Amino acid sequence: MSLSPLAVLLGLTIDNLATALLIQLWSGIASLVRYGLVAPPESTEVPAGLLVSIVLIGAACSVFGGYAAGRFAGHRETAHGVVVGLGDVLIGAVAVVYFAAPMPPWYNAASFASVVPAAALGGRWAARVRSVES
């Protein structure tokens, strides 16, 4: 059986929309806690703790995207999750090169290193759910 492009697209969409929304929400809350209702200074460095939490949010969303792709496909769930993770790496690389503000190298390394295993884990989770349901 081959992979379902529609399932991969669904997983990537869910993953990236959830990641963008949750990171925006979390960053906004962190900024509000740190600076109150006053806009943060232009040259503010992002605290390392916030960056670690953003990596974890991204990884969790990758798990969810891999799970969604695997569940939608209904076969080769882990493979669908891996392809979602690889798509995340491609999208992330484009974002880093063309759109994102410069980040510390450890942040980029942790972000890129976490997405494929996380999405594969989500696909594996979908496979386990399917086997339990059968």
C-alpha atoms as a PDB file:
ATOM      1  CA  MET A   1       0.000   0.000   0.000  1.00  0.00           C
ATOM      2  CA  SER A   2       1.193   3.466  -0.759  1.00  0.00           C
ATOM      3  CA  LEU A   3       0.968   6.545   1.404  1.00  0.00           C
ATOM      4  CA  SER A   4      -2.051   8.802   1.224  1.00  0.00           C
ATOM      5  CA  PRO A   5      -1.072  12.329   0.145  1.00  0.00           C
ATOM      6  CA  LEU A   6      -4.364  13.620   1.530  1.00  0.00           C
ATOM      7  CA  ALA A   7      -3.637  12.100   4.946  1.00  0.00           C
ATOM      8  CA  VAL A   8      -0.150  13.649   4.951  1.00  0.00           C
ATOM      9  CA  LEU A   9      -1.560  17.032   3.933  1.00  0.00           C
ATOM     10  CA  LEU A  10      -4.169  16.790   6.682  1.00  0.00           C
ATOM     11  CA  GLY A  11      -1.489  15.911   9.257  1.00  0.00           C
ATOM     12  CA  LEU A  12       0.765  18.760   8.134  1.00  0.00           C
ATOM     13  CA  THR A  13      -2.111  21.228   8.204  1.00  0.00           C
ATOM     14  CA  ILE A  14      -3.260  20.214  11.673  1.00  0.00           C
ATOM     15  CA  ASP A  15       0.309  20.169  12.963  1.00  0.00           C
ATOM     16  CA  ASN A  16       1.312  23.560  11.587  1.00  0.00           C
ATOM     17  CA  LEU A  17      -1.924  25.371  12.419  1.00  0.00           C
ATOM     18  CA  ALA A  18      -1.906  24.035  15.970  1.00  0.00           C
ATOM     19  CA  THR A  19       1.771  24.912  16.356  1.00  0.00           C
ATOM     20  CA  ALA A  20       1.304  28.464  15.077  1.00  0.00           C
ATOM     21  CA  LEU A  21      -1.775  29.121  17.193  1.00  0.00           C
ATOM     22  CA  LEU A  22      -0.416  27.615  20.405  1.00  0.00           C
ATOM     23  CA  ILE A  23       2.980  29.302  20.099  1.00  0.00           C
ATOM     24  CA  GLN A  24       1.328  32.680  19.452  1.00  0.00           C
ATOM     25  CA  LEU A  25      -0.953  32.186  22.438  1.00  0.00           C
ATOM     26  CA  TRP A  26       1.863  30.975  24.719  1.00  0.00           C
ATOM     27  CA  SER A  27       4.239  33.767  23.614  1.00  0.00           C
ATOM     28  CA  GLY A  28       1.521  36.358  24.172  1.00  0.00           C
ATOM     29  CA  ILE A  29       0.826  35.065  27.663  1.00  0.00           C
ATOM     30  CA  ALA A  30       4.552  34.991  28.465  1.00  0.00           C
ATOM     31  CA  SER A  31       4.957  38.552  27.203  1.00  0.00           C
ATOM     32  CA  LEU A  32       1.968  39.709  29.215  1.00  0.00           C
ATOM     33  CA  VAL A  33       3.350  38.089  32.369  1.00  0.00           C
ATOM     34  CA  ARG A  34       6.814  39.506  31.792  1.00  0.00           C
ATOM     35  CA  TYR A  35       5.979  43.031  30.573  1.00  0.00           C
ATOM     36  CA  GLY A  36       2.352  43.601  31.501  1.00  0.00           C
ATOM     37  CA  LEU A  37       0.308  45.665  29.089  1.00  0.00           C
ATOM     38  CA  VAL A  38       3.370  47.611  27.947  1.00  0.00           C
ATOM     39  CA  ALA A  39       4.947  46.537  24.662  1.00  0.00           C
ATOM     40  CA  PRO A  40       8.270  44.718  25.162  1.00  0.00           C
ATOM     41  CA  PRO A  41      11.429  46.566  24.176  1.00  0.00           C
ATOM     42  CA  GLU A  42      12.591  46.075  20.569  1.00  0.00           C
ATOM     43  CA  SER A  43      15.875  44.403  21.462  1.00  0.00           C
ATOM     44  CA  THR A  44      14.498  41.967  24.000  1.00  0.00           C
ATOM     45  CA  GLU A  45      16.145  38.552  24.009  1.00  0.00           C
ATOM     46  CA  VAL A  46      13.789  35.620  24.251  1.00  0.00           C
ATOM     47  CA  PRO A  47      14.312  33.788  27.558  1.00  0.00           C
ATOM     48  CA  ALA A  48      15.711  30.268  27.194  1.00  0.00           C
ATOM     49  CA  GLY A  49      12.822  28.822  29.191  1.00  0.00           C
ATOM     50  CA  LEU A  50      10.325  30.221  26.717  1.00  0.00           C
ATOM     51  CA  LEU A  51      12.305  28.768  23.812  1.00  0.00           C
ATOM     52  CA  VAL A  52      12.387  25.333  25.467  1.00  0.00           C
ATOM     53  CA  SER A  53       8.631  25.477  26.012  1.00  0.00           C
ATOM     54  CA  ILE A  54       8.136  26.442  22.352  1.00  0.00           C
ATOM     55  CA  VAL A  55      10.195  23.429  21.229  1.00  0.00           C
ATOM     56  CA  LEU A  56       8.004  21.219  23.432  1.00  0.00           C
ATOM     57  CA  ILE A  57       4.815  22.756  22.030  1.00  0.00           C
ATOM     58  CA  GLY A  58       6.096  22.159  18.494  1.00  0.00           C
ATOM     59  CA  ALA A  59       6.958  18.552  19.291  1.00  0.00           C
ATOM     60  CA  ALA A  60       3.554  17.943  20.870  1.00  0.00           C
ATOM     61  CA  CYS A  61       1.838  19.376  17.805  1.00  0.00           C
ATOM     62  CA  SER A  62       3.986  17.122  15.606  1.00  0.00           C
ATOM     63  CA  VAL A  63       2.780  14.116  17.618  1.00  0.00           C
ATOM     64  CA  PHE A  64      -0.778  15.254  17.002  1.00  0.00           C
ATOM     65  CA  GLY A  65      -0.136  15.842  13.282  1.00  0.00           C
ATOM     66  CA  GLY A  66       1.424  12.391  12.867  1.00  0.00           C
ATOM     67  CA  TYR A  67      -1.499  10.856  14.757  1.00  0.00           C
ATOM     68  CA  ALA A  68      -4.054  12.671  12.579  1.00  0.00           C
ATOM     69  CA  ALA A  69      -2.316  11.572   9.371  1.00  0.00           C
ATOM     70  CA  GLY A  70      -2.099   7.968  10.546  1.00  0.00           C
ATOM     71  CA  ARG A  71      -5.708   7.825  11.715  1.00  0.00           C
ATOM     72  CA  PHE A  72      -6.995   9.394   8.516  1.00  0.00           C
ATOM     73  CA  ALA A  73      -4.938   7.049   6.333  1.00  0.00           C
ATOM     74  CA  GLY A  74      -5.898   3.946   8.295  1.00  0.00           C
ATOM     75  CA  HIS A  75      -2.771   2.067   7.163  1.00  0.00           C
ATOM     76  CA  ARG A  76       1.009   2.524   7.459  1.00  0.00           C
ATOM     77  CA  GLU A  77       0.330   4.996  10.226  1.00  0.00           C
ATOM     78  CA  THR A  78       3.931   5.348  11.378  1.00  0.00           C
ATOM     79  CA  ALA A  79       5.112   5.972   7.807  1.00  0.00           C
ATOM     80  CA  HIS A  80       2.494   8.696   7.444  1.00  0.00           C
ATOM     81  CA  GLY A  81       3.754  10.247  10.677  1.00  0.00           C
ATOM     82  CA  VAL A  82       7.356  10.179   9.440  1.00  0.00           C
ATOM     83  CA  VAL A  83       6.357  11.928   6.209  1.00  0.00           C
ATOM     84  CA  VAL A  84       4.489  14.570   8.228  1.00  0.00           C
ATOM     85  CA  GLY A  85       7.676  15.094  10.269  1.00  0.00           C
ATOM     86  CA  LEU A  86       9.796  15.391   7.132  1.00  0.00           C
ATOM     87  CA  GLY A  87       7.308  17.910   5.760  1.00  0.00           C
ATOM     88  CA  ASP A  88       7.656  19.850   9.008  1.00  0.00           C
ATOM     89  CA  VAL A  89      11.432  19.911   8.576  1.00  0.00           C
ATOM     90  CA  LEU A  90      11.042  21.265   5.032  1.00  0.00           C
ATOM     91  CA  ILE A  91       8.531  23.923   6.103  1.00  0.00           C
ATOM     92  CA  GLY A  92      10.720  24.835   9.087  1.00  0.00           C
ATOM     93  CA  ALA A  93      13.835  25.150   6.930  1.00  0.00           C
ATOM     94  CA  VAL A  94      12.052  27.528   4.566  1.00  0.00           C
ATOM     95  CA  ALA A  95      10.769  29.536   7.534  1.00  0.00           C
ATOM     96  CA  VAL A  96      14.238  29.771   9.114  1.00  0.00           C
ATOM     97  CA  VAL A  97      15.891  30.854   5.866  1.00  0.00           C
ATOM     98  CA  TYR A  98      13.270  33.317   4.636  1.00  0.00           C
ATOM     99  CA  PHE A  99      10.935  34.434   7.412  1.00  0.00           C
ATOM    100  CA  ALA A 100      11.960  33.754  10.994  1.00  0.00           C
ATOM    101  CA  ALA A 101      13.956  36.014  13.249  1.00  0.00           C
ATOM    102  CA  PRO A 102      17.435  34.685  14.047  1.00  0.00           C
ATOM    103  CA  MET A 103      17.307  32.201  16.908  1.00  0.00           C
ATOM    104  CA  PRO A 104      20.051  30.521  18.933  1.00  0.00           C
ATOM    105  CA  PRO A 105      21.567  27.511  17.147  1.00  0.00           C
ATOM    106  CA  TRP A 106      20.539  25.139  19.961  1.00  0.00           C
ATOM    107  CA  TYR A 107      16.906  26.159  19.479  1.00  0.00           C
ATOM    108  CA  ASN A 108      16.945  25.415  15.753  1.00  0.00           C
ATOM    109  CA  ALA A 109      18.784  22.130  16.334  1.00  0.00           C
ATOM    110  CA  ALA A 110      16.318  21.006  19.016  1.00  0.00           C
ATOM    111  CA  SER A 111      13.339  22.047  16.912  1.00  0.00           C
ATOM    112  CA  PHE A 112      14.508  20.207  13.810  1.00  0.00           C
ATOM    113  CA  ALA A 113      15.698  17.151  15.742  1.00  0.00           C
ATOM    114  CA  SER A 114      12.385  16.712  17.549  1.00  0.00           C
ATOM    115  CA  VAL A 115       9.783  16.888  14.783  1.00  0.00           C
ATOM    116  CA  VAL A 116      10.374  13.664  12.831  1.00  0.00           C
ATOM    117  CA  PRO A 117      10.540  11.398  15.911  1.00  0.00           C
ATOM    118  CA  ALA A 118       7.548  13.196  17.430  1.00  0.00           C
ATOM    119  CA  ALA A 119       5.427  12.841  14.289  1.00  0.00           C
ATOM    120  CA  ALA A 120       6.492   9.188  13.933  1.00  0.00           C
ATOM    121  CA  LEU A 121       5.428   8.649  17.550  1.00  0.00           C
ATOM    122  CA  GLY A 122       2.034  10.142  16.680  1.00  0.00           C
ATOM    123  CA  GLY A 123       1.727   7.791  13.717  1.00  0.00           C
ATOM    124  CA  ARG A 124       2.693   4.855  15.924  1.00  0.00           C
ATOM    125  CA  TRP A 125       0.072   5.947  18.428  1.00  0.00           C
ATOM    126  CA  ALA A 126      -2.553   5.924  15.642  1.00  0.00           C
ATOM    127  CA  ALA A 127      -1.485   2.383  14.701  1.00  0.00           C
ATOM    128  CA  ARG A 128      -1.870   1.215  18.302  1.00  0.00           C
ATOM    129  CA  VAL A 129      -5.321   2.784  18.548  1.00  0.00           C
ATOM    130  CA  ARG A 130      -6.344   1.055  15.312  1.00  0.00           C
ATOM    131  CA  SER A 131      -5.067  -2.322  16.537  1.00  0.00           C
ATOM    132  CA  VAL A 132      -6.971  -1.931  19.816  1.00  0.00           C
ATOM    133  CA  GLU A 133     -10.159  -1.039  17.926  1.00  0.00           C
ATOM    134  CA  SER A 134      -9.850  -4.080  15.637  1.00  0.00           C
END
